[in-house]
Every structure is written in C-alpha cells, then in structure tokens.
Amino acid sequence: MTYLTVYTDGDTPGTLLRTEDTAEIATALKEIGVRLRHWRTVGGLDGAGQDEILAAYREEVAQVVAEEGYSFVDVAQLHPDDSPDWPERASAARNKFLAEHTHDDDEVRFFVAGSGIFYLHVDGKVHAVLCEPGDLLSVPARTTHWFDMGTRPDFTAIRFFHDDDGWVGDFTGDPVAARIPDYDTITADRAGA
C-alpha cells in the first residue's frame, strides 16, 4: 500500500501530512500534477529477467504506451545478494538518484516488487511517496524530485520513456534532499506508527 508523507522544505522541515489513505494520497498528488494508479500484481516473478516481467504485464504496459506515447520501456531492478561487491553496488545505485533533479521526460514507474520513495519538491513542499508493489506513479516532466531506494535496495520497477535515451537527469544543486528524512527513516517511522 502506498504511503505519503508531506514536509515543508525549510531549513528544519515540518511534517504536514502522513497517510496511507488511497483517496487522500491521490488528491494530494493530483494537486501537484502527479498521477498514482494501481495495477494488479503478478506473483512468481522472483529472479525473473526483463523479458519475463514485461510479458507478465504485457496488457498494462501496452495500455500505458498507447495512452501516453512512450517508445521505450525497460525494467530496473536491484536486490540484495551475497556477492562481495553488493554493498558498493547498492551504495552507488542509491547515490545516483539522491540529489534533486528534473527530467525533460515524464518519470513513470510501476513497482513490480519491493519499494522506493519518490520525493516531489513542488511549491515549498516535499511529497515523499513510498511506492510498493502495484503502484504506478507518473511524475510530469520538469518536476523537481529525487528517489531513495534505501541503504539495502530491494525493488523491481518497469520504467517508461518517450525516447530511447532512458534516464537523463538535470541536477538542480539544491541541497533540500539532505534535510528531508530518507527512505530508511520514513519506513522505520511507518513501521513504528
């Protein structure tokens, strides 16, 4: 289930909202031009590759592509493993997305498994959207945001793009991301609530 926390973006961020209510989340995100939809989830995809995952969601992917005109769809996934380089790979992947940035393209993600938080910085507020399996988040082009997958990344997501370049970020240089609670803090707070 999706979880939304809204913060002020000042030097000492304040919490304005915490909710798991689907209607309340959809309303709050709609106010900033972001869409959240939910798809059914398909089991039995642990360890599956891109082709198998896209095949399992063929109808849903085709519908989004037809509606929005995306030309490139892929699967991003990162799961803990026992390899000696796992901590370094996990840290590098996480750090790539932690600074505030924008894109010339929409950022559209469907969470097949695991979770991650999209932080949307709009109009003096930061909407931290914890996405989990079944969540399809559509962030409009040029929306300032960042993404946190936590210190132990564990997720699979289908990504949609309008061109074949895929993920290209334009970093803003704003240090706001360092002031807002991170993935590990938000998920721990939610579990303790």
Protein backbone atom coordinates (compact mmCIF):
# COMPACT_ATOMS: atom_id res chain seq x y z
CA MET A 1 0.00 0.00 0.00
CA THR A 2 1.26 3.47 -0.88
CA TYR A 3 2.33 5.76 1.95
CA LEU A 4 2.60 9.56 1.63
CA THR A 5 4.41 12.00 3.90
CA VAL A 6 4.36 15.71 3.08
CA TYR A 7 7.03 18.01 4.53
CA THR A 8 7.77 21.72 4.43
CA ASP A 9 11.04 22.37 2.60
CA GLY A 10 12.63 24.83 5.06
CA ASP A 11 15.88 24.50 6.96
CA THR A 12 14.02 22.47 9.60
CA PRO A 13 11.32 20.58 7.68
CA GLY A 14 7.99 20.11 9.38
CA THR A 15 5.59 17.26 8.73
CA LEU A 16 2.28 18.38 7.22
CA LEU A 17 0.69 15.01 6.41
CA ARG A 18 1.20 11.26 6.87
CA THR A 19 -1.32 8.93 5.27
CA GLU A 20 -2.00 5.53 3.75
CA ASP A 21 -5.47 6.57 2.63
CA THR A 22 -5.55 5.97 -1.13
CA ALA A 23 -8.08 8.72 -1.88
CA GLU A 24 -6.21 11.27 0.25
CA ILE A 25 -2.93 10.37 -1.45
CA ALA A 26 -4.45 10.62 -4.93
CA THR A 27 -5.93 14.04 -4.12
CA ALA A 28 -2.68 15.42 -2.68
CA LEU A 29 -0.69 14.20 -5.69
CA LYS A 30 -3.26 15.42 -8.22
CA GLU A 31 -2.82 18.94 -6.78
CA ILE A 32 0.81 18.87 -7.96
CA GLY A 33 0.07 17.20 -11.31
CA VAL A 34 1.23 13.71 -10.31
CA ARG A 35 -0.84 10.61 -11.04
CA LEU A 36 -0.91 7.47 -8.94
CA ARG A 37 -2.62 4.38 -10.28
CA HIS A 38 -2.70 0.79 -9.12
CA TRP A 39 -2.29 -2.39 -11.14
CA ARG A 40 -2.78 -5.97 -10.15
CA THR A 41 0.43 -7.69 -9.15
CA VAL A 42 1.70 -10.92 -10.68
CA GLY A 43 3.33 -13.49 -8.44
CA GLY A 44 6.12 -15.89 -9.27
CA LEU A 45 8.48 -13.28 -10.73
CA ASP A 46 11.26 -13.56 -8.13
CA GLY A 47 14.52 -13.73 -10.06
CA ALA A 48 12.76 -13.05 -13.37
CA GLY A 49 14.51 -11.08 -16.09
CA GLN A 50 13.24 -8.10 -18.06
CA ASP A 51 11.52 -10.09 -20.83
CA GLU A 52 9.60 -12.28 -18.39
CA ILE A 53 8.49 -9.30 -16.29
CA LEU A 54 7.35 -7.29 -19.32
CA ALA A 55 5.48 -10.33 -20.62
CA ALA A 56 3.67 -10.73 -17.30
CA TYR A 57 2.45 -7.10 -17.53
CA ARG A 58 2.04 -7.01 -21.32
CA GLU A 59 -1.55 -5.69 -21.34
CA GLU A 60 -0.95 -2.97 -18.74
CA VAL A 61 2.27 -1.83 -20.41
CA ALA A 62 0.58 -1.74 -23.82
CA GLN A 63 -2.23 0.40 -22.43
CA VAL A 64 0.14 2.96 -20.90
CA VAL A 65 2.25 3.08 -24.07
CA ALA A 66 -0.90 3.64 -26.17
CA GLU A 67 -2.24 6.34 -23.83
CA GLU A 68 1.00 8.27 -23.35
CA GLY A 69 3.06 7.52 -26.47
CA TYR A 70 6.09 6.03 -24.73
CA SER A 71 8.58 4.45 -27.11
CA PHE A 72 10.98 2.78 -24.68
CA VAL A 73 10.10 0.51 -21.76
CA ASP A 74 12.55 -1.38 -19.58
CA VAL A 75 12.91 -2.95 -16.15
CA ALA A 76 15.17 -1.67 -13.39
CA GLN A 77 15.86 -3.97 -10.50
CA LEU A 78 18.24 -4.25 -7.64
CA HIS A 79 18.06 -6.95 -4.99
CA PRO A 80 20.43 -7.87 -2.15
CA ASP A 81 22.83 -10.69 -2.88
CA ASP A 82 25.83 -12.35 -1.26
CA SER A 83 28.45 -11.08 -3.69
CA PRO A 84 31.37 -9.20 -2.14
CA ASP A 85 30.68 -6.11 -4.26
CA TRP A 86 26.99 -5.89 -3.24
CA PRO A 87 27.44 -3.08 -0.65
CA GLU A 88 29.40 -0.97 -3.14
CA ARG A 89 26.89 -1.55 -5.97
CA ALA A 90 23.95 -0.78 -3.67
CA SER A 91 25.54 2.43 -2.41
CA ALA A 92 26.47 3.60 -5.92
CA ALA A 93 22.96 2.92 -7.25
CA ARG A 94 21.34 4.74 -4.36
CA ASN A 95 23.63 7.76 -4.53
CA LYS A 96 22.97 8.25 -8.25
CA PHE A 97 19.38 9.36 -7.57
CA LEU A 98 19.59 11.07 -4.13
CA ALA A 99 20.21 14.63 -5.33
CA GLU A 100 17.33 16.78 -6.52
CA HIS A 101 16.93 16.80 -10.29
CA THR A 102 14.48 17.16 -13.14
CA HIS A 103 13.96 15.42 -16.49
CA ASP A 104 12.82 16.63 -19.88
CA ASP A 105 10.67 13.48 -19.94
CA ASP A 106 8.00 12.18 -17.58
CA GLU A 107 9.21 9.83 -14.87
CA VAL A 108 6.84 6.86 -14.87
CA ARG A 109 7.45 3.80 -12.73
CA PHE A 110 5.43 0.71 -11.91
CA PHE A 111 6.62 -1.22 -8.86
CA VAL A 112 6.54 -4.94 -9.53
CA ALA A 113 8.29 -5.81 -6.25
CA GLY A 114 9.95 -4.09 -3.33
CA SER A 115 9.73 -0.36 -2.70
CA GLY A 116 11.28 3.06 -3.11
CA ILE A 117 10.41 6.66 -2.29
CA PHE A 118 9.93 9.42 -4.83
CA TYR A 119 10.38 12.86 -3.27
CA LEU A 120 8.50 15.52 -5.24
CA HIS A 121 9.58 19.10 -4.44
CA VAL A 122 6.78 21.43 -5.51
CA ASP A 123 5.54 24.80 -4.17
CA GLY A 124 7.52 24.80 -0.93
CA LYS A 125 6.59 21.25 0.00
CA VAL A 126 8.15 17.83 -0.44
CA HIS A 127 5.77 14.95 -1.10
CA ALA A 128 7.54 11.71 -0.15
CA VAL A 129 5.65 8.92 -1.95
CA LEU A 130 6.58 5.44 -0.76
CA CYS A 131 5.74 3.22 -3.72
CA GLU A 132 5.18 -0.51 -3.23
CA PRO A 133 4.07 -3.42 -5.44
CA GLY A 134 1.13 -2.45 -7.63
CA ASP A 135 1.85 1.30 -7.59
CA LEU A 136 2.20 3.15 -10.90
CA LEU A 137 3.49 6.69 -10.35
CA SER A 138 3.54 9.27 -13.18
CA VAL A 139 5.63 12.37 -12.48
CA PRO A 140 5.39 15.10 -15.14
CA ALA A 141 8.49 16.30 -16.97
CA ARG A 142 10.46 19.08 -15.25
CA THR A 143 9.07 18.28 -11.77
CA THR A 144 11.90 18.68 -9.25
CA HIS A 145 12.39 15.42 -7.39
CA TRP A 146 14.75 12.71 -6.20
CA PHE A 147 14.48 8.98 -5.47
CA ASP A 148 15.67 6.93 -2.50
CA MET A 149 15.82 3.14 -2.52
CA GLY A 150 17.29 2.89 0.98
CA THR A 151 20.60 1.54 2.24
CA ARG A 152 19.56 -2.01 1.31
CA PRO A 153 17.85 -1.59 -2.09
CA ASP A 154 15.32 -4.26 -2.95
CA PHE A 155 12.97 -3.44 -5.82
CA THR A 156 11.85 -4.23 -9.36
CA ALA A 157 10.21 -1.49 -11.43
CA ILE A 158 9.01 -1.09 -15.00
CA ARG A 159 10.11 2.25 -16.48
CA PHE A 160 8.53 4.19 -19.36
CA PHE A 161 10.30 6.75 -21.59
CA HIS A 162 9.44 8.91 -24.60
CA ASP A 163 12.87 8.41 -26.14
CA ASP A 164 15.49 5.69 -26.21
CA ASP A 165 18.00 7.63 -24.10
CA GLY A 166 16.25 6.40 -20.95
CA TRP A 167 17.07 8.09 -17.66
CA VAL A 168 18.74 11.51 -18.09
CA GLY A 169 18.79 13.81 -15.04
CA ASP A 170 19.39 17.56 -14.84
CA PHE A 171 20.58 18.20 -11.27
CA THR A 172 19.42 21.42 -9.57
CA GLY A 173 22.17 21.74 -6.95
CA ASP A 174 19.55 22.40 -4.24
CA PRO A 175 20.57 20.58 -1.01
CA VAL A 176 16.95 20.06 0.10
CA ALA A 177 17.24 16.26 -0.16
CA ALA A 178 19.75 16.23 2.71
CA ARG A 179 17.20 17.92 5.03
CA ILE A 180 14.26 15.58 4.40
CA PRO A 181 14.01 12.18 6.17
CA ASP A 182 15.41 9.40 3.98
CA TYR A 183 13.89 6.07 2.94
CA ASP A 184 15.20 4.19 5.98
CA THR A 185 13.84 6.81 8.39
CA ILE A 186 10.40 7.04 6.77
CA THR A 187 9.93 3.26 6.54
CA ALA A 188 11.05 2.84 10.19
CA ASP A 189 8.64 5.60 11.31
CA ARG A 190 5.82 3.98 9.38
CA ALA A 191 6.52 0.55 10.88
CA GLY A 192 6.53 2.05 14.40
CA ALA A 193 3.31 4.03 13.93
